[in-house]
Every structure is written in C-alpha cells, then in structure tokens.
Amino acid sequence: MRSSRAIAIGAAFLTAVSLAGCSASGGGDDANADGTETIKMVAWPGPEGDAMAKVIDAYNDGQGKKDKIHVELVLLSRQDTFSKETALMASKDGDLDIYWTASYNVGQFSGSLEPLEGIDTSNYFPVAVDGLTYKDELYALPLDVSNHFLLYRTDLIDTLLNDPAAAATYSALAQDILGEARQPVPADQWDLDDFQVMAAYFSTSANPASPTQYGTILQAKNLLYNTMIWNDVLWGLGGSWTDDDGKAAIDTAEGKAAVQLYADIYKNGWTSPDSAQAEFPETQAALQSGNVAFAIQWSAAFAALNDPEQSPDIAGKIGIAPVPGGQTHVHALSLSLNKYGDSQDAAKTVLSYLATTDAMTAYAQAGGIPAMPEVLKANVDLNPAFNEVATSIADYGYAEPVFPKTFQAYSKLAEDLSGAWVGQTSVDDAVETANANLQELLDQ
C-alpha cells in the first residue's frame, strides 16, 4: 500500500516537473524540429539559479546552436530541491538529464548518478573535486564554492597590537588561560589558543576595559551547517571525522579538545549567550552590532559587513584572515549526470562546456562564486573577497569524508555535540555518543 501511494505521488510530481520545464523555456518540440536535442537541467532557485540561467541563455544562443543542443532549466524549490530530487531518482525516470547536487549529498545520490569521465577538471580547486568524488569516481561538476574565514575588526586588533598596556593585559590573560604569557599577534597568525585568549581579551567579563561586550560569537545551534564550522576547529587541532582506517574518530583527544574549546569560551562569557541559537544570520547581526570583535563565518558574509548601508557601524573596519588553526571546510554546489537520463551524451557535452573558464567567468559575472581559482582572481572587481577565497581554499581547504550518509552525519554530529558546545552536557559523554552514531552511519 505504501509503495503504490509513493509511486502515484512520484508520477504526479514528474508530470508537474515536465510541464514546468516546457512552460519555462518555450522550447520543447519547436527546439527539436531542426534536429536540435533538448535536455533538462535542474537548478536551485535563488542567486545560483539566476546566475546559471544567464549562462544557459548564452549557451543556447551561441555554442548550443553549434552543438545542436538546447538546455531547459527546471527550477524546483530552494528548500526542497534535494528531497524532490530524491523522489525523482527513486523513480529512475529519464526525463531530467542533469541534477543539482552538492558535496554533502553526492555520496547519497551516487547510485542514481553516472560518473563523469573525460571532462577536464584541471581548472577547479582540487579540494572541490575531491569533495565530489566517491570511491575514486567523480560524480559531480563543481559550481559555487563555500568556505570560512576569520572576520575581524581591524581597528580593534590594530589598537591592541600598538598599545603596550593593552598588550600587557592580553599577555596576563594568556598566562591565566594557557599557562604561558603570549604576546598578541596579527589575525593572520592566530592559532586556536590565540583565538581563545582574544575571545577573553575582547570580553568585558574577562577584561572590563574591552571595547566590545563579547570577543566572538560561536555558531553553536543544533544545525548541520554549524557542524561545518566546528569541523574547522576539529581539523585545526589535527583531528578528523575518521582515522586512517576509515573508522569514526570523534572520541579522540582532538575531538574532546575541539568541543572543550567551544564550551570554555561559552561558559566563561567570552561569546554572546545567543551563540546557543546562532548560525549565519545571528553571527552577521552580532558583528554588525559592533559588540563582537571577530567570528569564524562563511565567506559570503564579507561583502555585506563592508557595505555602509547594511553595516553602517563597522563597514570599512572588517578584515579577512584564515580560520585559526589553518583549516577551512569547503563544499561546492554541483551538477550531476542522471544515470537514467534520456540524453546522456548531450548532457555530458553541456557539462564539458560548463567546465571551461569562459563559462565559469560568465557564471561569476552573473553572480556565482565558481570553484576555479584563476577565474576568481581575475574577477576581484566583481567581489573584493574573491582573491582571499581563492587563496584560502587553495592553502587551507579540506573536504569531509564522502559516503552515502554524509548529509545525515552533519545533522547527527550537531545533534550530539551542540549541548556540549555550550556546556549543557558532558564533553566526554557527547563525543562518545557522537562517535558511536557516526560509526553507525559509516557502516550503512
């Protein structure tokens, strides 16, 4: 009974998708009249889908005519694209030729995707390609790339570095916290111990003369994307999700230290208490308020923080540095070939076109953040952070293990660890539970 109803829902949804695609393009049968083959590509509504629409329009009007291929974009839902694609993949339908995927679900979807062979990936960040590779086969082509930075108040750090009395206060705090009297150093030289002492120095609870109420804000809400931020601390301390044998490795000295760092900062009042419910927007708001000196944040945040209209109190005072510990999570949105697609050769031709620097330059000009370092560096006039994104990913980027339950692992780690991040549960108990649950997901 359950199976029959699922098939009926899937069939209705597939019909709706097909009609939406034809209606959006006006192509369909007319486009095929002269021998041109029409393929359908899923796109994610929003800035990424808008950028891709402009690239596809240019392809259809130019190279597509030479290739005798016309691409229709099918917009699903920004919130539910992946769940709808899961239903489509389960039906093994061939109507859609290219799926919208991401680093964190390509392992899950791999059974419904055709490995990409013969497409030149030499222009991409290697870490972006690695994050889309499962069992030594590439299952997706990178599009927008995301990473993290330390975003900090340049005026506050400069004052600390140039004021001997302030440096002495910082050094005394370092002695109390770390057991060694460190001197303050520029943000691009911080390790995770410096991150902790700086959090204390810029908090009134530890330093009544602090110019800000809190040193930082931690993204500690029970949310899968916050696992990606915390992973930077885990990797920065030398840890990982797994050991060399592929076994879960959260219940390790590095895993415990990474959770303990969050807990110490939170319990000592060196981060806003809103951290327990914070993710991207709350971190932006805290920085924009002027009451926080720095935060580990997504790279996409920088432009708004330096925009005088959006951030009047801090615009022009925000600097970019690598995440302390020298590691940044990297993931990419991506495009994959439907294993059951009706037009695989034509779809692969389009993916090969999208893998060129010309196509990704057009994507950047349309608002995308392509995973090609040379394209980013050549277009810093479009986004002043492009050069730092390129350098940071190349020098500090890592990708979490790819396996069928990668997406679920992000969620489960946040669920198991977020209480300990804010000192509500035992660190030892949290990492033990997280390790057991991660191993269970790895075994599936």
Protein backbone atom coordinates (compact mmCIF):
# COMPACT_ATOMS: atom_id res chain seq x y z
CA MET A 1 0.00 0.00 0.00
CA ARG A 2 2.77 2.43 0.96
CA SER A 3 4.69 1.56 -2.22
CA SER A 4 1.70 2.14 -4.51
CA ARG A 5 0.99 5.56 -2.99
CA ALA A 6 4.65 6.60 -3.32
CA ILE A 7 4.68 5.69 -7.00
CA ALA A 8 1.48 7.65 -7.59
CA ILE A 9 2.91 10.73 -5.88
CA GLY A 10 6.14 10.35 -7.85
CA ALA A 11 4.31 10.10 -11.15
CA ALA A 12 2.26 13.21 -10.43
CA PHE A 13 5.39 15.12 -9.42
CA LEU A 14 7.28 14.05 -12.52
CA THR A 15 4.42 15.26 -14.71
CA ALA A 16 4.45 18.60 -12.92
CA VAL A 17 8.21 18.94 -13.37
CA SER A 18 7.97 18.14 -17.06
CA LEU A 19 5.22 20.71 -17.61
CA ALA A 20 7.15 23.33 -15.61
CA GLY A 21 10.24 22.84 -17.72
CA CYS A 22 8.40 23.14 -21.05
CA SER A 23 6.44 26.14 -19.85
CA ALA A 24 9.53 27.99 -18.60
CA SER A 25 11.55 27.73 -21.79
CA GLY A 26 9.04 27.72 -24.58
CA GLY A 27 11.44 25.30 -26.29
CA GLY A 28 10.43 21.64 -26.31
CA ASP A 29 9.15 20.35 -29.68
CA ASP A 30 10.00 23.53 -31.63
CA ALA A 31 13.62 23.36 -30.47
CA ASN A 32 13.85 19.77 -31.73
CA ALA A 33 12.35 20.46 -35.16
CA ASP A 34 15.71 21.08 -36.86
CA GLY A 35 17.46 18.18 -35.15
CA THR A 36 18.46 20.08 -32.06
CA GLU A 37 18.34 17.88 -28.97
CA THR A 38 16.71 19.29 -25.85
CA ILE A 39 17.94 18.37 -22.40
CA LYS A 40 16.62 19.34 -18.96
CA MET A 41 18.79 20.62 -16.11
CA VAL A 42 17.64 21.15 -12.53
CA ALA A 43 18.63 24.46 -10.95
CA TRP A 44 18.27 25.76 -7.41
CA PRO A 45 16.04 28.88 -7.26
CA GLY A 46 17.93 31.88 -5.91
CA PRO A 47 21.21 33.63 -6.81
CA GLU A 48 22.84 30.41 -8.04
CA GLY A 49 19.89 29.53 -10.27
CA ASP A 50 19.69 33.10 -11.57
CA ALA A 51 23.38 33.01 -12.47
CA MET A 52 23.06 29.65 -14.18
CA ALA A 53 20.03 30.87 -16.18
CA LYS A 54 22.17 33.63 -17.71
CA VAL A 55 24.94 31.18 -18.60
CA ILE A 56 22.47 28.76 -20.16
CA ASP A 57 20.77 31.54 -22.13
CA ALA A 58 24.17 32.45 -23.58
CA TYR A 59 24.88 28.78 -24.35
CA ASN A 60 21.54 28.28 -26.09
CA ASP A 61 22.14 31.39 -28.23
CA GLY A 62 25.75 30.53 -29.04
CA GLN A 63 27.67 27.28 -28.52
CA GLY A 64 24.41 25.35 -28.14
CA LYS A 65 23.45 26.09 -31.75
CA LYS A 66 26.79 24.65 -32.91
CA ASP A 67 26.32 21.61 -30.64
CA LYS A 68 22.65 21.31 -31.71
CA ILE A 69 21.69 21.17 -28.04
CA HIS A 70 19.08 23.29 -26.25
CA VAL A 71 19.04 23.35 -22.43
CA GLU A 72 15.87 23.85 -20.41
CA LEU A 73 16.27 24.86 -16.77
CA VAL A 74 13.83 23.24 -14.34
CA LEU A 75 13.52 25.20 -11.09
CA LEU A 76 12.36 23.09 -8.17
CA SER A 77 12.34 24.57 -4.63
CA ARG A 78 15.21 26.19 -2.73
CA GLN A 79 14.06 24.46 0.45
CA ASP A 80 13.14 21.10 -1.04
CA THR A 81 15.23 20.65 -4.18
CA PHE A 82 17.19 17.72 -2.78
CA SER A 83 14.17 15.92 -1.28
CA LYS A 84 12.29 16.29 -4.58
CA GLU A 85 15.32 15.02 -6.49
CA THR A 86 15.46 12.05 -4.12
CA ALA A 87 11.90 11.15 -5.18
CA LEU A 88 12.77 11.62 -8.85
CA MET A 89 15.88 9.46 -8.55
CA ALA A 90 13.89 6.71 -6.83
CA SER A 91 11.56 6.58 -9.85
CA LYS A 92 14.56 6.04 -12.21
CA ASP A 93 12.92 8.41 -14.67
CA GLY A 94 14.95 9.71 -17.59
CA ASP A 95 13.10 12.99 -18.18
CA LEU A 96 15.66 15.11 -16.30
CA ASP A 97 19.22 14.84 -17.62
CA ILE A 98 21.24 16.90 -15.12
CA TYR A 99 20.58 17.05 -11.37
CA TRP A 100 21.52 19.81 -8.90
CA THR A 101 23.72 18.26 -6.19
CA ALA A 102 26.27 19.23 -3.52
CA SER A 103 29.37 17.89 -1.80
CA TYR A 104 27.34 16.78 1.22
CA ASN A 105 24.88 14.57 -0.70
CA VAL A 106 26.72 13.32 -3.75
CA GLY A 107 27.64 10.11 -1.93
CA GLN A 108 23.99 9.58 -1.02
CA PHE A 109 22.88 10.16 -4.63
CA SER A 110 25.75 8.27 -6.30
CA GLY A 111 23.61 5.21 -7.06
CA SER A 112 21.44 7.33 -9.36
CA LEU A 113 24.28 9.27 -10.98
CA GLU A 114 26.59 8.49 -13.87
CA PRO A 115 30.30 9.01 -13.08
CA LEU A 116 31.81 11.90 -15.03
CA GLU A 117 34.60 10.63 -17.23
CA GLY A 118 36.55 12.57 -19.82
CA ILE A 119 35.69 16.05 -18.50
CA ASP A 120 38.66 18.32 -17.82
CA THR A 121 38.67 19.26 -14.11
CA SER A 122 42.17 20.76 -14.04
CA ASN A 123 40.85 24.33 -13.64
CA TYR A 124 39.00 23.56 -10.38
CA PHE A 125 40.19 23.67 -6.79
CA PRO A 126 41.40 20.09 -6.16
CA VAL A 127 39.58 20.06 -2.79
CA ALA A 128 36.28 20.87 -4.56
CA VAL A 129 36.79 17.93 -6.93
CA ASP A 130 37.79 15.66 -4.03
CA GLY A 131 34.59 16.55 -2.19
CA LEU A 132 32.54 15.31 -5.16
CA THR A 133 34.48 12.09 -5.60
CA TYR A 134 33.15 8.84 -4.12
CA LYS A 135 35.00 5.53 -4.34
CA ASP A 136 37.54 7.12 -6.73
CA GLU A 137 34.90 8.28 -9.21
CA LEU A 138 33.78 11.87 -9.83
CA TYR A 139 30.01 12.18 -9.58
CA ALA A 140 29.51 15.94 -9.99
CA LEU A 141 30.92 19.10 -11.53
CA PRO A 142 31.63 21.93 -9.01
CA LEU A 143 29.71 25.20 -9.22
CA ASP A 144 29.58 27.62 -6.29
CA VAL A 145 32.19 27.03 -3.63
CA SER A 146 31.83 27.92 0.06
CA ASN A 147 34.47 28.26 2.77
CA HIS A 148 35.06 30.03 6.08
CA PHE A 149 37.15 32.98 7.18
CA LEU A 150 38.05 34.67 10.43
CA LEU A 151 36.31 38.03 10.01
CA TYR A 152 37.66 40.55 12.49
CA ARG A 153 37.61 44.23 13.42
CA THR A 154 40.82 45.68 12.02
CA ASP A 155 40.57 48.85 14.15
CA LEU A 156 40.35 46.89 17.41
CA ILE A 157 43.15 44.46 16.61
CA ASP A 158 45.43 47.28 15.39
CA THR A 159 44.87 49.17 18.65
CA LEU A 160 45.76 46.09 20.69
CA LEU A 161 48.91 45.42 18.68
CA ASN A 162 50.13 49.02 19.03
CA ASP A 163 49.29 49.68 22.70
CA PRO A 164 51.90 48.28 25.16
CA ALA A 165 49.49 48.50 28.10
CA ALA A 166 46.80 46.60 26.20
CA ALA A 167 49.36 44.00 25.11
CA ALA A 168 50.37 43.54 28.76
CA THR A 169 46.73 42.89 29.71
CA TYR A 170 46.47 40.37 26.87
CA SER A 171 49.68 38.64 27.97
CA ALA A 172 48.41 38.33 31.55
CA LEU A 173 45.16 36.76 30.30
CA ALA A 174 47.17 34.30 28.18
CA GLN A 175 49.14 33.31 31.30
CA ASP A 176 45.92 32.61 33.19
CA ILE A 177 44.18 30.75 30.36
CA LEU A 178 47.01 28.90 28.61
CA GLY A 179 49.73 28.88 31.25
CA GLU A 180 52.05 30.91 29.02
CA ALA A 181 52.40 34.69 28.69
CA ARG A 182 51.79 35.10 24.95
CA GLN A 183 52.01 38.41 23.12
CA PRO A 184 49.20 39.44 20.74
CA VAL A 185 49.90 38.79 17.04
CA PRO A 186 48.14 39.85 13.80
CA ALA A 187 44.95 37.93 12.99
CA ASP A 188 46.51 36.04 10.09
CA GLN A 189 48.95 34.48 12.58
CA TRP A 190 46.45 33.25 15.17
CA ASP A 191 46.25 29.65 16.20
CA LEU A 192 43.31 28.32 18.20
CA ASP A 193 44.99 29.28 21.51
CA ASP A 194 45.24 32.87 20.28
CA PHE A 195 41.57 32.64 19.24
CA GLN A 196 40.63 31.70 22.81
CA VAL A 197 42.72 34.40 24.51
CA MET A 198 41.50 37.04 22.04
CA ALA A 199 37.91 36.00 22.85
CA ALA A 200 38.65 36.65 26.52
CA TYR A 201 40.52 39.93 25.93
CA PHE A 202 37.63 41.44 23.96
CA SER A 203 35.01 40.36 26.53
CA THR A 204 34.09 42.61 29.44
CA SER A 205 33.70 39.53 31.67
CA ALA A 206 37.49 38.98 31.48
CA ASN A 207 38.68 42.48 30.58
CA PRO A 208 36.45 45.29 31.91
CA ALA A 209 38.23 47.74 29.59
CA SER A 210 37.29 45.78 26.47
CA PRO A 211 35.86 47.94 23.67
CA THR A 212 33.33 45.18 22.88
CA GLN A 213 31.00 43.24 25.18
CA TYR A 214 31.99 39.87 23.72
CA GLY A 215 35.08 38.66 21.94
CA THR A 216 33.28 36.43 19.47
CA ILE A 217 30.06 34.60 18.68
CA LEU A 218 30.05 30.84 18.18
CA GLN A 219 27.62 29.21 15.76
CA ALA A 220 26.52 26.57 18.27
CA LYS A 221 22.86 25.98 17.40
CA ASN A 222 21.85 22.37 16.73
CA LEU A 223 22.14 22.73 12.96
CA LEU A 224 24.02 20.67 10.39
CA TYR A 225 25.70 23.72 8.86
CA ASN A 226 27.17 24.56 12.28
CA THR A 227 28.94 21.20 12.25
CA MET A 228 30.80 22.51 9.19
CA ILE A 229 32.04 25.49 11.23
CA TRP A 230 33.03 23.36 14.26
CA ASN A 231 34.85 20.96 11.95
CA ASP A 232 37.39 23.75 11.31
CA VAL A 233 38.36 23.57 14.99
CA LEU A 234 38.49 19.76 14.91
CA TRP A 235 40.66 19.73 11.78
CA GLY A 236 42.70 22.68 13.11
CA LEU A 237 43.64 20.64 16.18
CA GLY A 238 44.75 17.74 13.98
CA GLY A 239 41.53 15.72 14.13
CA SER A 240 39.06 14.45 11.56
CA TRP A 241 35.77 12.54 11.37
CA THR A 242 37.65 9.32 10.69
CA ASP A 243 41.02 7.72 11.32
CA ASP A 244 43.35 6.23 8.73
CA ASP A 245 41.27 3.05 8.68
CA GLY A 246 38.03 4.92 7.99
CA LYS A 247 36.65 4.39 11.49
CA ALA A 248 34.86 7.14 13.43
CA ALA A 249 37.35 9.34 15.30
CA ILE A 250 35.31 11.90 17.22
CA ASP A 251 36.03 10.27 20.61
CA THR A 252 39.70 11.26 20.48
CA ALA A 253 41.93 13.77 22.25
CA GLU A 254 41.46 16.14 19.30
CA GLY A 255 37.68 15.70 19.29
CA LYS A 256 37.42 16.36 23.02
CA ALA A 257 39.70 19.40 22.78
CA ALA A 258 37.63 20.86 19.93
CA VAL A 259 34.38 20.55 21.93
CA GLN A 260 36.08 21.80 25.10
CA LEU A 261 37.29 24.96 23.34
CA TYR A 262 33.71 25.91 22.46
CA ALA A 263 32.50 25.01 25.98
CA ASP A 264 35.22 27.07 27.71
CA ILE A 265 34.52 30.15 25.60
CA TYR A 266 30.78 29.85 26.17
CA LYS A 267 30.85 29.11 29.91
CA ASN A 268 33.30 31.96 30.59
CA GLY A 269 31.12 34.52 28.83
CA TRP A 270 33.64 35.20 26.07
CA THR A 271 30.92 34.75 23.44
CA SER A 272 27.41 36.08 23.24
CA PRO A 273 24.90 33.87 25.07
CA ASP A 274 22.95 33.97 21.80
CA SER A 275 25.54 31.51 20.50
CA ALA A 276 23.33 28.63 21.65
CA GLN A 277 20.85 29.61 18.93
CA ALA A 278 23.27 31.16 16.45
CA GLU A 279 24.01 30.35 12.84
CA PHE A 280 24.89 32.58 9.85
CA PRO A 281 22.36 35.44 10.33
CA GLU A 282 22.87 35.75 14.09
CA THR A 283 26.63 35.90 13.55
CA GLN A 284 26.16 38.64 10.98
CA ALA A 285 23.93 40.58 13.35
CA ALA A 286 26.42 40.28 16.22
CA LEU A 287 29.28 41.59 14.08
CA GLN A 288 27.12 44.38 12.65
CA SER A 289 26.12 45.49 16.15
CA GLY A 290 29.73 46.37 16.99
CA ASN A 291 29.54 44.37 20.23
CA VAL A 292 31.66 41.47 18.94
CA ALA A 293 35.30 41.71 17.81
CA PHE A 294 35.57 38.69 15.49
CA ALA A 295 33.94 35.44 14.37
CA ILE A 296 34.51 32.41 12.20
CA GLN A 297 31.98 33.00 9.43
CA TRP A 298 31.06 31.93 5.89
CA SER A 299 32.94 33.73 3.12
CA ALA A 300 29.69 35.05 1.64
CA ALA A 301 29.29 37.30 4.72
CA PHE A 302 32.14 39.68 3.95
CA ALA A 303 30.52 41.87 1.29
CA ALA A 304 27.50 42.74 3.49
CA LEU A 305 29.70 43.50 6.51
CA ASN A 306 31.69 46.03 4.50
CA ASP A 307 28.61 47.61 2.92
CA PRO A 308 27.94 51.01 4.60
CA GLU A 309 24.20 50.68 4.00
CA GLN A 310 23.90 47.21 5.54
CA SER A 311 26.58 47.62 8.23
CA PRO A 312 26.95 51.34 8.99
CA ASP A 313 28.79 50.86 12.31
CA ILE A 314 31.54 48.54 11.05
CA ALA A 315 31.81 48.94 7.26
CA GLY A 316 35.43 49.51 6.29
CA LYS A 317 36.66 48.03 9.57
CA ILE A 318 36.34 44.32 8.75
CA GLY A 319 39.40 42.27 7.84
CA ILE A 320 39.75 38.75 6.43
CA ALA A 321 42.16 36.16 7.85
CA PRO A 322 42.43 32.37 7.65
CA VAL A 323 40.49 30.40 10.25
CA PRO A 324 42.75 30.00 13.33
CA GLY A 325 44.27 26.54 13.16
CA GLY A 326 44.72 26.86 9.40
CA GLN A 327 41.84 24.68 8.19
CA THR A 328 38.61 25.60 6.42
CA HIS A 329 35.73 23.36 5.42
CA VAL A 330 35.00 23.56 1.68
CA HIS A 331 31.88 22.39 -0.07
CA ALA A 332 30.53 23.01 -3.51
CA LEU A 333 27.13 23.08 -5.12
CA SER A 334 27.35 20.97 -8.23
CA LEU A 335 25.76 19.38 -11.29
CA SER A 336 25.47 15.64 -11.88
CA LEU A 337 24.54 13.38 -14.77
CA ASN A 338 21.31 11.38 -14.33
CA LYS A 339 22.22 7.69 -14.65
CA TYR A 340 18.82 7.09 -16.27
CA GLY A 341 18.74 10.28 -18.38
CA ASP A 342 17.38 10.07 -21.92
CA SER A 343 20.11 12.30 -23.42
CA GLN A 344 23.34 11.47 -21.62
CA ASP A 345 25.72 12.33 -24.48
CA ALA A 346 24.17 15.75 -24.99
CA ALA A 347 24.08 16.37 -21.23
CA LYS A 348 27.75 15.48 -20.96
CA THR A 349 28.55 17.92 -23.78
CA VAL A 350 26.86 20.70 -21.80
CA LEU A 351 28.72 19.75 -18.61
CA SER A 352 32.01 19.84 -20.54
CA TYR A 353 31.13 23.36 -21.71
CA LEU A 354 30.34 24.43 -18.14
CA ALA A 355 33.77 23.13 -17.06
CA THR A 356 35.51 25.79 -19.16
CA THR A 357 36.92 29.02 -17.72
CA ASP A 358 34.85 31.02 -20.23
CA ALA A 359 31.60 29.52 -18.94
CA MET A 360 32.60 29.98 -15.29
CA THR A 361 33.72 33.56 -15.94
CA ALA A 362 30.22 34.23 -17.26
CA TYR A 363 28.85 32.48 -14.16
CA ALA A 364 30.91 34.76 -11.88
CA GLN A 365 29.77 37.84 -13.79
CA ALA A 366 26.19 36.69 -13.30
CA GLY A 367 26.63 36.45 -9.51
CA GLY A 368 28.06 32.97 -8.95
CA ILE A 369 31.19 32.01 -7.00
CA PRO A 370 32.80 29.42 -9.29
CA ALA A 371 35.21 26.84 -7.89
CA MET A 372 38.03 27.91 -10.22
CA PRO A 373 40.89 29.86 -8.57
CA GLU A 374 42.06 31.63 -11.70
CA VAL A 375 38.52 32.80 -12.52
CA LEU A 376 38.10 34.19 -9.01
CA LYS A 377 41.45 36.00 -9.07
CA ALA A 378 40.65 37.51 -12.49
CA ASN A 379 37.32 38.91 -11.26
CA VAL A 380 38.10 40.65 -7.96
CA ASP A 381 36.37 43.72 -9.36
CA LEU A 382 33.11 41.76 -9.00
CA ASN A 383 33.75 40.76 -5.37
CA PRO A 384 36.70 42.08 -3.31
CA ALA A 385 36.81 38.78 -1.35
CA PHE A 386 37.38 36.62 -4.46
CA ASN A 387 41.17 36.73 -4.12
CA GLU A 388 41.04 35.72 -0.44
CA VAL A 389 38.53 32.94 -1.25
CA ALA A 390 40.90 31.57 -3.89
CA THR A 391 43.95 31.72 -1.63
CA SER A 392 42.20 30.35 1.46
CA ILE A 393 40.67 27.35 -0.29
CA ALA A 394 43.91 26.52 -2.09
CA ASP A 395 46.05 26.79 1.06
CA TYR A 396 43.72 25.73 3.88
CA GLY A 397 40.74 23.87 2.37
CA TYR A 398 39.72 20.34 3.34
CA ALA A 399 36.73 18.15 2.50
CA GLU A 400 34.96 15.84 4.93
CA PRO A 401 34.72 12.13 4.04
CA VAL A 402 32.21 11.35 1.26
CA PHE A 403 29.91 8.41 1.94
CA PRO A 404 26.19 7.69 1.45
CA LYS A 405 25.24 9.15 4.84
CA THR A 406 27.45 12.26 4.80
CA PHE A 407 24.46 14.61 4.95
CA GLN A 408 22.95 12.71 7.89
CA ALA A 409 26.33 12.74 9.65
CA TYR A 410 26.42 16.56 9.68
CA SER A 411 22.98 16.62 11.32
CA LYS A 412 23.75 13.87 13.82
CA LEU A 413 27.01 15.45 14.94
CA ALA A 414 25.24 18.76 15.55
CA GLU A 415 22.52 16.95 17.49
CA ASP A 416 25.03 15.02 19.64
CA LEU A 417 27.57 17.80 20.23
CA SER A 418 25.65 21.09 20.38
CA GLY A 419 24.70 20.64 24.04
CA ALA A 420 28.36 20.17 24.99
CA TRP A 421 29.40 23.13 22.81
CA VAL A 422 27.53 25.38 25.24
CA GLY A 423 28.40 23.46 28.39
CA GLN A 424 25.00 21.87 28.97
CA THR A 425 26.23 18.27 28.68
CA SER A 426 29.48 16.46 29.44
CA VAL A 427 32.18 16.71 26.76
CA ASP A 428 33.23 13.07 27.31
CA ASP A 429 29.65 11.79 27.05
CA ALA A 430 28.93 13.91 23.96
CA VAL A 431 31.95 12.76 21.96
CA GLU A 432 31.33 9.12 22.96
CA THR A 433 27.74 9.31 21.72
CA ALA A 434 28.74 11.21 18.57
CA ASN A 435 31.43 8.66 17.78
CA ALA A 436 29.03 5.72 18.11
CA ASN A 437 26.38 7.38 15.94
CA LEU A 438 28.92 8.41 13.29
CA GLN A 439 30.25 4.86 13.12
CA GLU A 440 26.70 3.56 12.67
CA LEU A 441 26.22 5.92 9.71
CA LEU A 442 29.59 4.92 8.23
CA ASP A 443 28.55 1.26 8.43
CA GLN A 444 25.29 1.73 6.50
